Amino acid sequence: MAKGGFPGMGNMNNLMKQAQMLQKQMAEMQEEIANTEFEGSANGDLVVAKVNGKKELLSLKIKQEIVDPDDVEMLEDLVITAVKMALSKVEEETANKMGKLTGGMNMLGLF
């Protein structure tokens, strides 16, 4: 038997240390993204939505010239488009940063 424990325990300890380091880096990355603001817009910035990395809507700006009381549906569509665009930027940034940490392995479902 190897000195100091079972054969291969050194490799297992190294693997555990690497996993803990990766977990710490992922937590730091998630915190960084959570505190980042992302912006989406529609129709040439007539509607601008700002969200954070936790996918919370922080602000919504609507320029007066797009407000038409006779066409509320268009305004609703522009708001939805701007919010979706901002949220997709959160997803893209998360995937990019996670890919750098995991070497391209898709682990988003795990966290």
PDB file of N, CA and C in Angstrom:
ATOM      1  N   MET A   1       0.848  -1.179   0.000  1.00  0.00           N
ATOM      2  CA  MET A   1       0.000   0.000   0.000  1.00  0.00           C
ATOM      3  C   MET A   1       0.888   1.235   0.000  1.00  0.00           C
ATOM      4  N   ALA A   2       0.449   2.256  -0.671  1.00  0.00           N
ATOM      5  CA  ALA A   2       1.220   3.498  -0.770  1.00  0.00           C
ATOM      6  C   ALA A   2       1.302   4.171   0.591  1.00  0.00           C
ATOM      7  N   LYS A   3       2.394   4.846   0.802  1.00  0.00           N
ATOM      8  CA  LYS A   3       2.613   5.558   2.048  1.00  0.00           C
ATOM      9  C   LYS A   3       1.596   6.688   2.203  1.00  0.00           C
ATOM     10  N   GLY A   4       0.954   6.768   3.376  1.00  0.00           N
ATOM     11  CA  GLY A   4       0.050   7.878   3.658  1.00  0.00           C
ATOM     12  C   GLY A   4      -1.374   7.658   3.194  1.00  0.00           C
ATOM     13  N   GLY A   5      -1.765   6.452   2.844  1.00  0.00           N
ATOM     14  CA  GLY A   5      -3.162   6.246   2.471  1.00  0.00           C
ATOM     15  C   GLY A   5      -3.307   5.280   1.324  1.00  0.00           C
ATOM     16  N   PHE A   6      -4.435   5.322   0.702  1.00  0.00           N
ATOM     17  CA  PHE A   6      -4.751   4.414  -0.394  1.00  0.00           C
ATOM     18  C   PHE A   6      -4.068   4.873  -1.675  1.00  0.00           C
ATOM     19  N   PRO A   7      -3.774   3.917  -2.569  1.00  0.00           N
ATOM     20  CA  PRO A   7      -3.196   4.313  -3.863  1.00  0.00           C
ATOM     21  C   PRO A   7      -4.166   5.241  -4.604  1.00  0.00           C
ATOM     22  N   GLY A   8      -3.641   6.256  -5.215  1.00  0.00           N
ATOM     23  CA  GLY A   8      -4.462   7.171  -5.979  1.00  0.00           C
ATOM     24  C   GLY A   8      -5.104   8.286  -5.168  1.00  0.00           C
ATOM     25  N   MET A   9      -4.919   8.282  -3.855  1.00  0.00           N
ATOM     26  CA  MET A   9      -5.537   9.324  -3.020  1.00  0.00           C
ATOM     27  C   MET A   9      -4.984  10.706  -3.336  1.00  0.00           C
ATOM     28  N   GLY A  10      -3.714  10.777  -3.715  1.00  0.00           N
ATOM     29  CA  GLY A  10      -3.134  12.077  -4.079  1.00  0.00           C
ATOM     30  C   GLY A  10      -3.863  12.680  -5.261  1.00  0.00           C
ATOM     31  N   ASN A  11      -4.175  11.842  -6.246  1.00  0.00           N
ATOM     32  CA  ASN A  11      -4.922  12.322  -7.416  1.00  0.00           C
ATOM     33  C   ASN A  11      -6.317  12.773  -7.010  1.00  0.00           C
ATOM     34  N   MET A  12      -6.941  12.025  -6.113  1.00  0.00           N
ATOM     35  CA  MET A  12      -8.286  12.375  -5.659  1.00  0.00           C
ATOM     36  C   MET A  12      -8.257  13.704  -4.907  1.00  0.00           C
ATOM     37  N   ASN A  13      -7.246  13.894  -4.072  1.00  0.00           N
ATOM     38  CA  ASN A  13      -7.123  15.156  -3.339  1.00  0.00           C
ATOM     39  C   ASN A  13      -6.915  16.321  -4.303  1.00  0.00           C
ATOM     40  N   ASN A  14      -6.087  16.120  -5.325  1.00  0.00           N
ATOM     41  CA  ASN A  14      -5.867  17.176  -6.321  1.00  0.00           C
ATOM     42  C   ASN A  14      -7.151  17.489  -7.063  1.00  0.00           C
ATOM     43  N   LEU A  15      -7.900  16.456  -7.409  1.00  0.00           N
ATOM     44  CA  LEU A  15      -9.170  16.648  -8.107  1.00  0.00           C
ATOM     45  C   LEU A  15     -10.149  17.434  -7.235  1.00  0.00           C
ATOM     46  N   MET A  16     -10.202  17.105  -5.952  1.00  0.00           N
ATOM     47  CA  MET A  16     -11.089  17.821  -5.029  1.00  0.00           C
ATOM     48  C   MET A  16     -10.679  19.288  -4.907  1.00  0.00           C
ATOM     49  N   LYS A  17      -9.375  19.547  -4.825  1.00  0.00           N
ATOM     50  CA  LYS A  17      -8.897  20.931  -4.745  1.00  0.00           C
ATOM     51  C   LYS A  17      -9.258  21.708  -6.008  1.00  0.00           C
ATOM     52  N   GLN A  18      -9.110  21.065  -7.167  1.00  0.00           N
ATOM     53  CA  GLN A  18      -9.456  21.718  -8.427  1.00  0.00           C
ATOM     54  C   GLN A  18     -10.954  22.008  -8.483  1.00  0.00           C
ATOM     55  N   ALA A  19     -11.765  21.062  -8.025  1.00  0.00           N
ATOM     56  CA  ALA A  19     -13.216  21.258  -8.022  1.00  0.00           C
ATOM     57  C   ALA A  19     -13.601  22.408  -7.099  1.00  0.00           C
ATOM     58  N   GLN A  20     -12.973  22.492  -5.938  1.00  0.00           N
ATOM     59  CA  GLN A  20     -13.260  23.580  -5.003  1.00  0.00           C
ATOM     60  C   GLN A  20     -12.844  24.922  -5.593  1.00  0.00           C
ATOM     61  N   MET A  21     -11.700  24.954  -6.274  1.00  0.00           N
ATOM     62  CA  MET A  21     -11.234  26.185  -6.893  1.00  0.00           C
ATOM     63  C   MET A  21     -12.199  26.608  -8.008  1.00  0.00           C
ATOM     64  N   LEU A  22     -12.648  25.647  -8.817  1.00  0.00           N
ATOM     65  CA  LEU A  22     -13.594  25.941  -9.885  1.00  0.00           C
ATOM     66  C   LEU A  22     -14.908  26.452  -9.308  1.00  0.00           C
ATOM     67  N   GLN A  23     -15.360  25.832  -8.235  1.00  0.00           N
ATOM     68  CA  GLN A  23     -16.602  26.254  -7.592  1.00  0.00           C
ATOM     69  C   GLN A  23     -16.477  27.694  -7.083  1.00  0.00           C
ATOM     70  N   LYS A  24     -15.336  28.022  -6.490  1.00  0.00           N
ATOM     71  CA  LYS A  24     -15.108  29.390  -5.999  1.00  0.00           C
ATOM     72  C   LYS A  24     -15.091  30.385  -7.159  1.00  0.00           C
ATOM     73  N   GLN A  25     -14.421  30.033  -8.247  1.00  0.00           N
ATOM     74  CA  GLN A  25     -14.356  30.924  -9.415  1.00  0.00           C
ATOM     75  C   GLN A  25     -15.742  31.115 -10.015  1.00  0.00           C
ATOM     76  N   MET A  26     -16.540  30.057 -10.060  1.00  0.00           N
ATOM     77  CA  MET A  26     -17.894  30.156 -10.606  1.00  0.00           C
ATOM     78  C   MET A  26     -18.762  31.055  -9.731  1.00  0.00           C
ATOM     79  N   ALA A  27     -18.620  30.939  -8.431  1.00  0.00           N
ATOM     80  CA  ALA A  27     -19.394  31.786  -7.515  1.00  0.00           C
ATOM     81  C   ALA A  27     -19.002  33.247  -7.709  1.00  0.00           C
ATOM     82  N   GLU A  28     -17.721  33.522  -7.872  1.00  0.00           N
ATOM     83  CA  GLU A  28     -17.249  34.888  -8.097  1.00  0.00           C
ATOM     84  C   GLU A  28     -17.779  35.426  -9.426  1.00  0.00           C
ATOM     85  N   MET A  29     -17.755  34.569 -10.463  1.00  0.00           N
ATOM     86  CA  MET A  29     -18.249  34.971 -11.766  1.00  0.00           C
ATOM     87  C   MET A  29     -19.743  35.253 -11.698  1.00  0.00           C
ATOM     88  N   GLN A  30     -20.510  34.406 -11.019  1.00  0.00           N
ATOM     89  CA  GLN A  30     -21.949  34.622 -10.891  1.00  0.00           C
ATOM     90  C   GLN A  30     -22.248  35.918 -10.147  1.00  0.00           C
ATOM     91  N   GLU A  31     -21.471  36.222  -9.127  1.00  0.00           N
ATOM     92  CA  GLU A  31     -21.652  37.470  -8.380  1.00  0.00           C
ATOM     93  C   GLU A  31     -21.347  38.674  -9.270  1.00  0.00           C
ATOM     94  N   GLU A  32     -20.280  38.562 -10.064  1.00  0.00           N
ATOM     95  CA  GLU A  32     -19.912  39.650 -10.982  1.00  0.00           C
ATOM     96  C   GLU A  32     -21.035  39.896 -11.996  1.00  0.00           C
ATOM     97  N   ILE A  33     -21.559  38.826 -12.573  1.00  0.00           N
ATOM     98  CA  ILE A  33     -22.647  38.972 -13.543  1.00  0.00           C
ATOM     99  C   ILE A  33     -23.898  39.535 -12.867  1.00  0.00           C
ATOM    100  N   ALA A  34     -24.208  39.063 -11.664  1.00  0.00           N
ATOM    101  CA  ALA A  34     -25.399  39.537 -10.949  1.00  0.00           C
ATOM    102  C   ALA A  34     -25.350  41.046 -10.738  1.00  0.00           C
ATOM    103  N   ASN A  35     -24.148  41.595 -10.567  1.00  0.00           N
ATOM    104  CA  ASN A  35     -23.994  43.019 -10.310  1.00  0.00           C
ATOM    105  C   ASN A  35     -23.770  43.850 -11.576  1.00  0.00           C
ATOM    106  N   THR A  36     -23.822  43.202 -12.724  1.00  0.00           N
ATOM    107  CA  THR A  36     -23.632  43.898 -13.990  1.00  0.00           C
ATOM    108  C   THR A  36     -24.992  44.290 -14.562  1.00  0.00           C
ATOM    109  N   GLU A  37     -25.041  45.449 -15.212  1.00  0.00           N
ATOM    110  CA  GLU A  37     -26.269  45.894 -15.861  1.00  0.00           C
ATOM    111  C   GLU A  37     -26.171  45.626 -17.357  1.00  0.00           C
ATOM    112  N   PHE A  38     -27.277  45.166 -17.926  1.00  0.00           N
ATOM    113  CA  PHE A  38     -27.364  44.859 -19.348  1.00  0.00           C
ATOM    114  C   PHE A  38     -28.511  45.665 -19.936  1.00  0.00           C
ATOM    115  N   GLU A  39     -28.309  46.135 -21.164  1.00  0.00           N
ATOM    116  CA  GLU A  39     -29.305  47.005 -21.788  1.00  0.00           C
ATOM    117  C   GLU A  39     -29.784  46.404 -23.104  1.00  0.00           C
ATOM    118  N   GLY A  40     -31.073  46.501 -23.315  1.00  0.00           N
ATOM    119  CA  GLY A  40     -31.667  46.091 -24.580  1.00  0.00           C
ATOM    120  C   GLY A  40     -32.530  47.226 -25.088  1.00  0.00           C
ATOM    121  N   SER A  41     -32.633  47.328 -26.407  1.00  0.00           N
ATOM    122  CA  SER A  41     -33.434  48.422 -26.960  1.00  0.00           C
ATOM    123  C   SER A  41     -34.252  47.925 -28.141  1.00  0.00           C
ATOM    124  N   ALA A  42     -35.222  48.735 -28.503  1.00  0.00           N
ATOM    125  CA  ALA A  42     -36.067  48.410 -29.640  1.00  0.00           C
ATOM    126  C   ALA A  42     -36.336  49.672 -30.451  1.00  0.00           C
ATOM    127  N   ASN A  43     -36.415  49.480 -31.733  1.00  0.00           N
ATOM    128  CA  ASN A  43     -36.783  50.548 -32.665  1.00  0.00           C
ATOM    129  C   ASN A  43     -35.898  51.787 -32.505  1.00  0.00           C
ATOM    130  N   GLY A  44     -34.606  51.569 -32.636  1.00  0.00           N
ATOM    131  CA  GLY A  44     -33.672  52.689 -32.590  1.00  0.00           C
ATOM    132  C   GLY A  44     -33.623  53.399 -31.254  1.00  0.00           C
ATOM    133  N   ASP A  45     -33.624  52.665 -30.177  1.00  0.00           N
ATOM    134  CA  ASP A  45     -33.538  53.193 -28.809  1.00  0.00           C
ATOM    135  C   ASP A  45     -34.762  54.003 -28.386  1.00  0.00           C
ATOM    136  N   LEU A  46     -35.882  53.809 -29.050  1.00  0.00           N
ATOM    137  CA  LEU A  46     -37.103  54.483 -28.607  1.00  0.00           C
ATOM    138  C   LEU A  46     -37.630  53.850 -27.323  1.00  0.00           C
ATOM    139  N   VAL A  47     -37.318  52.572 -27.144  1.00  0.00           N
ATOM    140  CA  VAL A  47     -37.629  51.871 -25.895  1.00  0.00           C
ATOM    141  C   VAL A  47     -36.338  51.201 -25.450  1.00  0.00           C
ATOM    142  N   VAL A  48     -35.916  51.484 -24.214  1.00  0.00           N
ATOM    143  CA  VAL A  48     -34.678  50.923 -23.675  1.00  0.00           C
ATOM    144  C   VAL A  48     -34.973  50.289 -22.314  1.00  0.00           C
ATOM    145  N   ALA A  49     -34.594  49.012 -22.192  1.00  0.00           N
ATOM    146  CA  ALA A  49     -34.769  48.282 -20.935  1.00  0.00           C
ATOM    147  C   ALA A  49     -33.400  47.970 -20.356  1.00  0.00           C
ATOM    148  N   LYS A  50     -33.285  48.091 -19.041  1.00  0.00           N
ATOM    149  CA  LYS A  50     -32.040  47.776 -18.350  1.00  0.00           C
ATOM    150  C   LYS A  50     -32.352  46.709 -17.305  1.00  0.00           C
ATOM    151  N   VAL A  51     -31.564  45.617 -17.318  1.00  0.00           N
ATOM    152  CA  VAL A  51     -31.722  44.535 -16.344  1.00  0.00           C
ATOM    153  C   VAL A  51     -30.377  44.273 -15.690  1.00  0.00           C
ATOM    154  N   ASN A  52     -30.413  43.585 -14.557  1.00  0.00           N
ATOM    155  CA  ASN A  52     -29.154  43.157 -13.954  1.00  0.00           C
ATOM    156  C   ASN A  52     -28.938  41.682 -14.267  1.00  0.00           C
ATOM    157  N   GLY A  53     -27.818  41.150 -13.841  1.00  0.00           N
ATOM    158  CA  GLY A  53     -27.477  39.759 -14.108  1.00  0.00           C
ATOM    159  C   GLY A  53     -28.365  38.766 -13.403  1.00  0.00           C
ATOM    160  N   LYS A  54     -29.181  39.240 -12.469  1.00  0.00           N
ATOM    161  CA  LYS A  54     -30.155  38.368 -11.802  1.00  0.00           C
ATOM    162  C   LYS A  54     -31.478  38.366 -12.560  1.00  0.00           C
ATOM    163  N   LYS A  55     -31.471  39.001 -13.744  1.00  0.00           N
ATOM    164  CA  LYS A  55     -32.630  39.097 -14.628  1.00  0.00           C
ATOM    165  C   LYS A  55     -33.778  39.884 -14.001  1.00  0.00           C
ATOM    166  N   GLU A  56     -33.410  40.900 -13.232  1.00  0.00           N
ATOM    167  CA  GLU A  56     -34.399  41.807 -12.650  1.00  0.00           C
ATOM    168  C   GLU A  56     -34.434  43.084 -13.489  1.00  0.00           C
ATOM    169  N   LEU A  57     -35.627  43.530 -13.834  1.00  0.00           N
ATOM    170  CA  LEU A  57     -35.780  44.759 -14.609  1.00  0.00           C
ATOM    171  C   LEU A  57     -35.456  45.947 -13.714  1.00  0.00           C
ATOM    172  N   LEU A  58     -34.454  46.738 -14.112  1.00  0.00           N
ATOM    173  CA  LEU A  58     -34.017  47.884 -13.314  1.00  0.00           C
ATOM    174  C   LEU A  58     -34.663  49.186 -13.781  1.00  0.00           C
ATOM    175  N   SER A  59     -34.777  49.333 -15.095  1.00  0.00           N
ATOM    176  CA  SER A  59     -35.390  50.554 -15.615  1.00  0.00           C
ATOM    177  C   SER A  59     -35.944  50.297 -17.005  1.00  0.00           C
ATOM    178  N   LEU A  60     -36.889  51.147 -17.361  1.00  0.00           N
ATOM    179  CA  LEU A  60     -37.505  51.092 -18.674  1.00  0.00           C
ATOM    180  C   LEU A  60     -37.719  52.529 -19.122  1.00  0.00           C
ATOM    181  N   LYS A  61     -37.131  52.894 -20.262  1.00  0.00           N
ATOM    182  CA  LYS A  61     -37.271  54.247 -20.781  1.00  0.00           C
ATOM    183  C   LYS A  61     -38.010  54.182 -22.111  1.00  0.00           C
ATOM    184  N   ILE A  62     -39.011  55.026 -22.231  1.00  0.00           N
ATOM    185  CA  ILE A  62     -39.816  55.089 -23.444  1.00  0.00           C
ATOM    186  C   ILE A  62     -39.807  56.540 -23.915  1.00  0.00           C
ATOM    187  N   LYS A  63     -39.322  56.765 -25.126  1.00  0.00           N
ATOM    188  CA  LYS A  63     -39.301  58.127 -25.659  1.00  0.00           C
ATOM    189  C   LYS A  63     -40.714  58.537 -26.054  1.00  0.00           C
ATOM    190  N   GLN A  64     -41.017  59.765 -25.786  1.00  0.00           N
ATOM    191  CA  GLN A  64     -42.366  60.290 -25.970  1.00  0.00           C
ATOM    192  C   GLN A  64     -42.897  60.114 -27.390  1.00  0.00           C
ATOM    193  N   GLU A  65     -42.017  60.248 -28.384  1.00  0.00           N
ATOM    194  CA  GLU A  65     -42.491  60.189 -29.768  1.00  0.00           C
ATOM    195  C   GLU A  65     -43.031  58.814 -30.179  1.00  0.00           C
ATOM    196  N   ILE A  66     -42.736  57.781 -29.415  1.00  0.00           N
ATOM    197  CA  ILE A  66     -43.245  56.448 -29.748  1.00  0.00           C
ATOM    198  C   ILE A  66     -44.600  56.176 -29.102  1.00  0.00           C
ATOM    199  N   VAL A  67     -45.007  57.008 -28.157  1.00  0.00           N
ATOM    200  CA  VAL A  67     -46.274  56.801 -27.449  1.00  0.00           C
ATOM    201  C   VAL A  67     -47.429  57.274 -28.332  1.00  0.00           C
ATOM    202  N   ASP A  68     -48.259  56.299 -28.715  1.00  0.00           N
ATOM    203  CA  ASP A  68     -49.435  56.578 -29.538  1.00  0.00           C
ATOM    204  C   ASP A  68     -50.628  55.912 -28.857  1.00  0.00           C
ATOM    205  N   PRO A  69     -51.522  56.710 -28.257  1.00  0.00           N
ATOM    206  CA  PRO A  69     -52.666  56.133 -27.543  1.00  0.00           C
ATOM    207  C   PRO A  69     -53.537  55.236 -28.423  1.00  0.00           C
ATOM    208  N   ASP A  70     -53.470  55.446 -29.726  1.00  0.00           N
ATOM    209  CA  ASP A  70     -54.266  54.632 -30.637  1.00  0.00           C
ATOM    210  C   ASP A  70     -53.569  53.327 -31.028  1.00  0.00           C
ATOM    211  N   ASP A  71     -52.299  53.163 -30.602  1.00  0.00           N
ATOM    212  CA  ASP A  71     -51.560  51.953 -30.955  1.00  0.00           C
ATOM    213  C   ASP A  71     -50.741  51.465 -29.758  1.00  0.00           C
ATOM    214  N   VAL A  72     -51.427  51.178 -28.687  1.00  0.00           N
ATOM    215  CA  VAL A  72     -50.773  50.695 -27.465  1.00  0.00           C
ATOM    216  C   VAL A  72     -50.093  49.350 -27.719  1.00  0.00           C
ATOM    217  N   GLU A  73     -50.670  48.545 -28.573  1.00  0.00           N
ATOM    218  CA  GLU A  73     -50.117  47.222 -28.858  1.00  0.00           C
ATOM    219  C   GLU A  73     -48.691  47.302 -29.409  1.00  0.00           C
ATOM    220  N   MET A  74     -48.418  48.274 -30.269  1.00  0.00           N
ATOM    221  CA  MET A  74     -47.070  48.434 -30.800  1.00  0.00           C
ATOM    222  C   MET A  74     -46.092  48.767 -29.677  1.00  0.00           C
ATOM    223  N   LEU A  75     -46.493  49.643 -28.778  1.00  0.00           N
ATOM    224  CA  LEU A  75     -45.641  50.008 -27.651  1.00  0.00           C
ATOM    225  C   LEU A  75     -45.369  48.794 -26.771  1.00  0.00           C
ATOM    226  N   GLU A  76     -46.386  48.000 -26.516  1.00  0.00           N
ATOM    227  CA  GLU A  76     -46.209  46.780 -25.723  1.00  0.00           C
ATOM    228  C   GLU A  76     -45.203  45.841 -26.385  1.00  0.00           C
ATOM    229  N   ASP A  77     -45.303  45.698 -27.703  1.00  0.00           N
ATOM    230  CA  ASP A  77     -44.367  44.843 -28.435  1.00  0.00           C
ATOM    231  C   ASP A  77     -42.939  45.361 -28.342  1.00  0.00           C
ATOM    232  N   LEU A  78     -42.779  46.681 -28.421  1.00  0.00           N
ATOM    233  CA  LEU A  78     -41.440  47.268 -28.316  1.00  0.00           C
ATOM    234  C   LEU A  78     -40.851  47.061 -26.926  1.00  0.00           C
ATOM    235  N   VAL A  79     -41.673  47.175 -25.895  1.00  0.00           N
ATOM    236  CA  VAL A  79     -41.207  46.943 -24.523  1.00  0.00           C
ATOM    237  C   VAL A  79     -40.758  45.492 -24.371  1.00  0.00           C
ATOM    238  N   ILE A  80     -41.559  44.571 -24.854  1.00  0.00           N
ATOM    239  CA  ILE A  80     -41.208  43.149 -24.772  1.00  0.00           C
ATOM    240  C   ILE A  80     -39.901  42.876 -25.517  1.00  0.00           C
ATOM    241  N   THR A  81     -39.745  43.455 -26.692  1.00  0.00           N
ATOM    242  CA  THR A  81     -38.525  43.268 -27.477  1.00  0.00           C
ATOM    243  C   THR A  81     -37.302  43.787 -26.730  1.00  0.00           C
ATOM    244  N   ALA A  82     -37.401  44.973 -26.155  1.00  0.00           N
ATOM    245  CA  ALA A  82     -36.265  45.558 -25.429  1.00  0.00           C
ATOM    246  C   ALA A  82     -35.892  44.714 -24.215  1.00  0.00           C
ATOM    247  N   VAL A  83     -36.885  44.249 -23.481  1.00  0.00           N
ATOM    248  CA  VAL A  83     -36.612  43.427 -22.286  1.00  0.00           C
ATOM    249  C   VAL A  83     -35.990  42.097 -22.701  1.00  0.00           C
ATOM    250  N   LYS A  84     -36.535  41.466 -23.718  1.00  0.00           N
ATOM    251  CA  LYS A  84     -35.975  40.189 -24.190  1.00  0.00           C
ATOM    252  C   LYS A  84     -34.523  40.354 -24.643  1.00  0.00           C
ATOM    253  N   MET A  85     -34.238  41.462 -25.319  1.00  0.00           N
ATOM    254  CA  MET A  85     -32.878  41.709 -25.788  1.00  0.00           C
ATOM    255  C   MET A  85     -31.920  41.855 -24.604  1.00  0.00           C
ATOM    256  N   ALA A  86     -32.331  42.592 -23.589  1.00  0.00           N
ATOM    257  CA  ALA A  86     -31.483  42.762 -22.404  1.00  0.00           C
ATOM    258  C   ALA A  86     -31.263  41.423 -21.710  1.00  0.00           C
ATOM    259  N   LEU A  87     -32.314  40.625 -21.577  1.00  0.00           N
ATOM    260  CA  LEU A  87     -32.187  39.315 -20.922  1.00  0.00           C
ATOM    261  C   LEU A  87     -31.309  38.367 -21.729  1.00  0.00           C
ATOM    262  N   SER A  88     -31.375  38.451 -23.053  1.00  0.00           N
ATOM    263  CA  SER A  88     -30.527  37.582 -23.869  1.00  0.00           C
ATOM    264  C   SER A  88     -29.055  37.953 -23.701  1.00  0.00           C
ATOM    265  N   LYS A  89     -28.781  39.224 -23.429  1.00  0.00           N
ATOM    266  CA  LYS A  89     -27.402  39.640 -23.172  1.00  0.00           C
ATOM    267  C   LYS A  89     -26.883  39.051 -21.862  1.00  0.00           C
ATOM    268  N   VAL A  90     -27.763  38.923 -20.873  1.00  0.00           N
ATOM    269  CA  VAL A  90     -27.376  38.270 -19.612  1.00  0.00           C
ATOM    270  C   VAL A  90     -26.995  36.818 -19.895  1.00  0.00           C
ATOM    271  N   GLU A  91     -27.835  36.117 -20.651  1.00  0.00           N
ATOM    272  CA  GLU A  91     -27.575  34.711 -20.986  1.00  0.00           C
ATOM    273  C   GLU A  91     -26.263  34.565 -21.760  1.00  0.00           C
ATOM    274  N   GLU A  92     -26.042  35.448 -22.725  1.00  0.00           N
ATOM    275  CA  GLU A  92     -24.834  35.390 -23.541  1.00  0.00           C
ATOM    276  C   GLU A  92     -23.584  35.618 -22.694  1.00  0.00           C
ATOM    277  N   GLU A  93     -23.627  36.613 -21.833  1.00  0.00           N
ATOM    278  CA  GLU A  93     -22.478  36.910 -20.971  1.00  0.00           C
ATOM    279  C   GLU A  93     -22.214  35.756 -20.007  1.00  0.00           C
ATOM    280  N   THR A  94     -23.270  35.190 -19.453  1.00  0.00           N
ATOM    281  CA  THR A  94     -23.122  34.057 -18.540  1.00  0.00           C
ATOM    282  C   THR A  94     -22.493  32.873 -19.269  1.00  0.00           C
ATOM    283  N   ALA A  95     -22.986  32.565 -20.448  1.00  0.00           N
ATOM    284  CA  ALA A  95     -22.453  31.438 -21.218  1.00  0.00           C
ATOM    285  C   ALA A  95     -20.986  31.674 -21.589  1.00  0.00           C
ATOM    286  N   ASN A  96     -20.641  32.897 -21.991  1.00  0.00           N
ATOM    287  CA  ASN A  96     -19.251  33.207 -22.351  1.00  0.00           C
ATOM    288  C   ASN A  96     -18.316  33.037 -21.163  1.00  0.00           C
ATOM    289  N   LYS A  97     -18.703  33.606 -20.030  1.00  0.00           N
ATOM    290  CA  LYS A  97     -17.832  33.528 -18.852  1.00  0.00           C
ATOM    291  C   LYS A  97     -17.761  32.105 -18.315  1.00  0.00           C
ATOM    292  N   MET A  98     -18.885  31.398 -18.323  1.00  0.00           N
ATOM    293  CA  MET A  98     -18.899  30.025 -17.842  1.00  0.00           C
ATOM    294  C   MET A  98     -18.040  29.148 -18.747  1.00  0.00           C
ATOM    295  N   GLY A  99     -18.113  29.379 -20.056  1.00  0.00           N
ATOM    296  CA  GLY A  99     -17.309  28.607 -21.004  1.00  0.00           C
ATOM    297  C   GLY A  99     -15.823  28.792 -20.774  1.00  0.00           C
ATOM    298  N   LYS A 100     -15.421  29.998 -20.411  1.00  0.00           N
ATOM    299  CA  LYS A 100     -14.005  30.247 -20.126  1.00  0.00           C
ATOM    300  C   LYS A 100     -13.550  29.480 -18.883  1.00  0.00           C
ATOM    301  N   LEU A 101     -14.429  29.392 -17.885  1.00  0.00           N
ATOM    302  CA  LEU A 101     -14.075  28.680 -16.658  1.00  0.00           C
ATOM    303  C   LEU A 101     -14.057  27.168 -16.837  1.00  0.00           C
ATOM    304  N   THR A 102     -14.969  26.655 -17.633  1.00  0.00           N
ATOM    305  CA  THR A 102     -15.139  25.209 -17.735  1.00  0.00           C
ATOM    306  C   THR A 102     -14.486  24.620 -18.974  1.00  0.00           C
ATOM    307  N   GLY A 103     -13.765  25.443 -19.706  1.00  0.00           N
ATOM    308  CA  GLY A 103     -13.103  24.939 -20.901  1.00  0.00           C
ATOM    309  C   GLY A 103     -14.064  24.553 -21.999  1.00  0.00           C
ATOM    310  N   GLY A 104     -15.219  25.200 -22.028  1.00  0.00           N
ATOM    311  CA  GLY A 104     -16.201  24.952 -23.074  1.00  0.00           C
ATOM    312  C   GLY A 104     -17.248  23.926 -22.720  1.00  0.00           C
ATOM    313  N   MET A 105     -17.119  23.241 -21.579  1.00  0.00           N
ATOM    314  CA  MET A 105     -18.151  22.287 -21.177  1.00  0.00           C
ATOM    315  C   MET A 105     -19.396  23.059 -20.746  1.00  0.00           C
ATOM    316  N   ASN A 106     -20.550  22.654 -21.188  1.00  0.00           N
ATOM    317  CA  ASN A 106     -21.800  23.327 -20.834  1.00  0.00           C
ATOM    318  C   ASN A 106     -22.249  22.861 -19.463  1.00  0.00           C
ATOM    319  N   MET A 107     -22.096  23.711 -18.451  1.00  0.00           N
ATOM    320  CA  MET A 107     -22.451  23.353 -17.089  1.00  0.00           C
ATOM    321  C   MET A 107     -23.502  24.291 -16.537  1.00  0.00           C
ATOM    322  N   LEU A 108     -24.155  25.099 -17.400  1.00  0.00           N
ATOM    323  CA  LEU A 108     -25.113  26.072 -16.919  1.00  0.00           C
ATOM    324  C   LEU A 108     -26.246  25.426 -16.144  1.00  0.00           C
ATOM    325  N   GLY A 109     -26.681  24.246 -16.540  1.00  0.00           N
ATOM    326  CA  GLY A 109     -27.774  23.581 -15.856  1.00  0.00           C
ATOM    327  C   GLY A 109     -27.429  23.147 -14.440  1.00  0.00           C
ATOM    328  N   LEU A 110     -26.159  23.093 -14.141  1.00  0.00           N
ATOM    329  CA  LEU A 110     -25.728  22.643 -12.814  1.00  0.00           C
ATOM    330  C   LEU A 110     -25.743  23.742 -11.780  1.00  0.00           C
ATOM    331  N   PHE A 111     -25.791  25.005 -12.236  1.00  0.00           N
ATOM    332  CA  PHE A 111     -25.688  26.120 -11.291  1.00  0.00           C
ATOM    333  C   PHE A 111     -26.842  27.053 -11.389  1.00  0.00           C
TER     334      PHE A 111
END
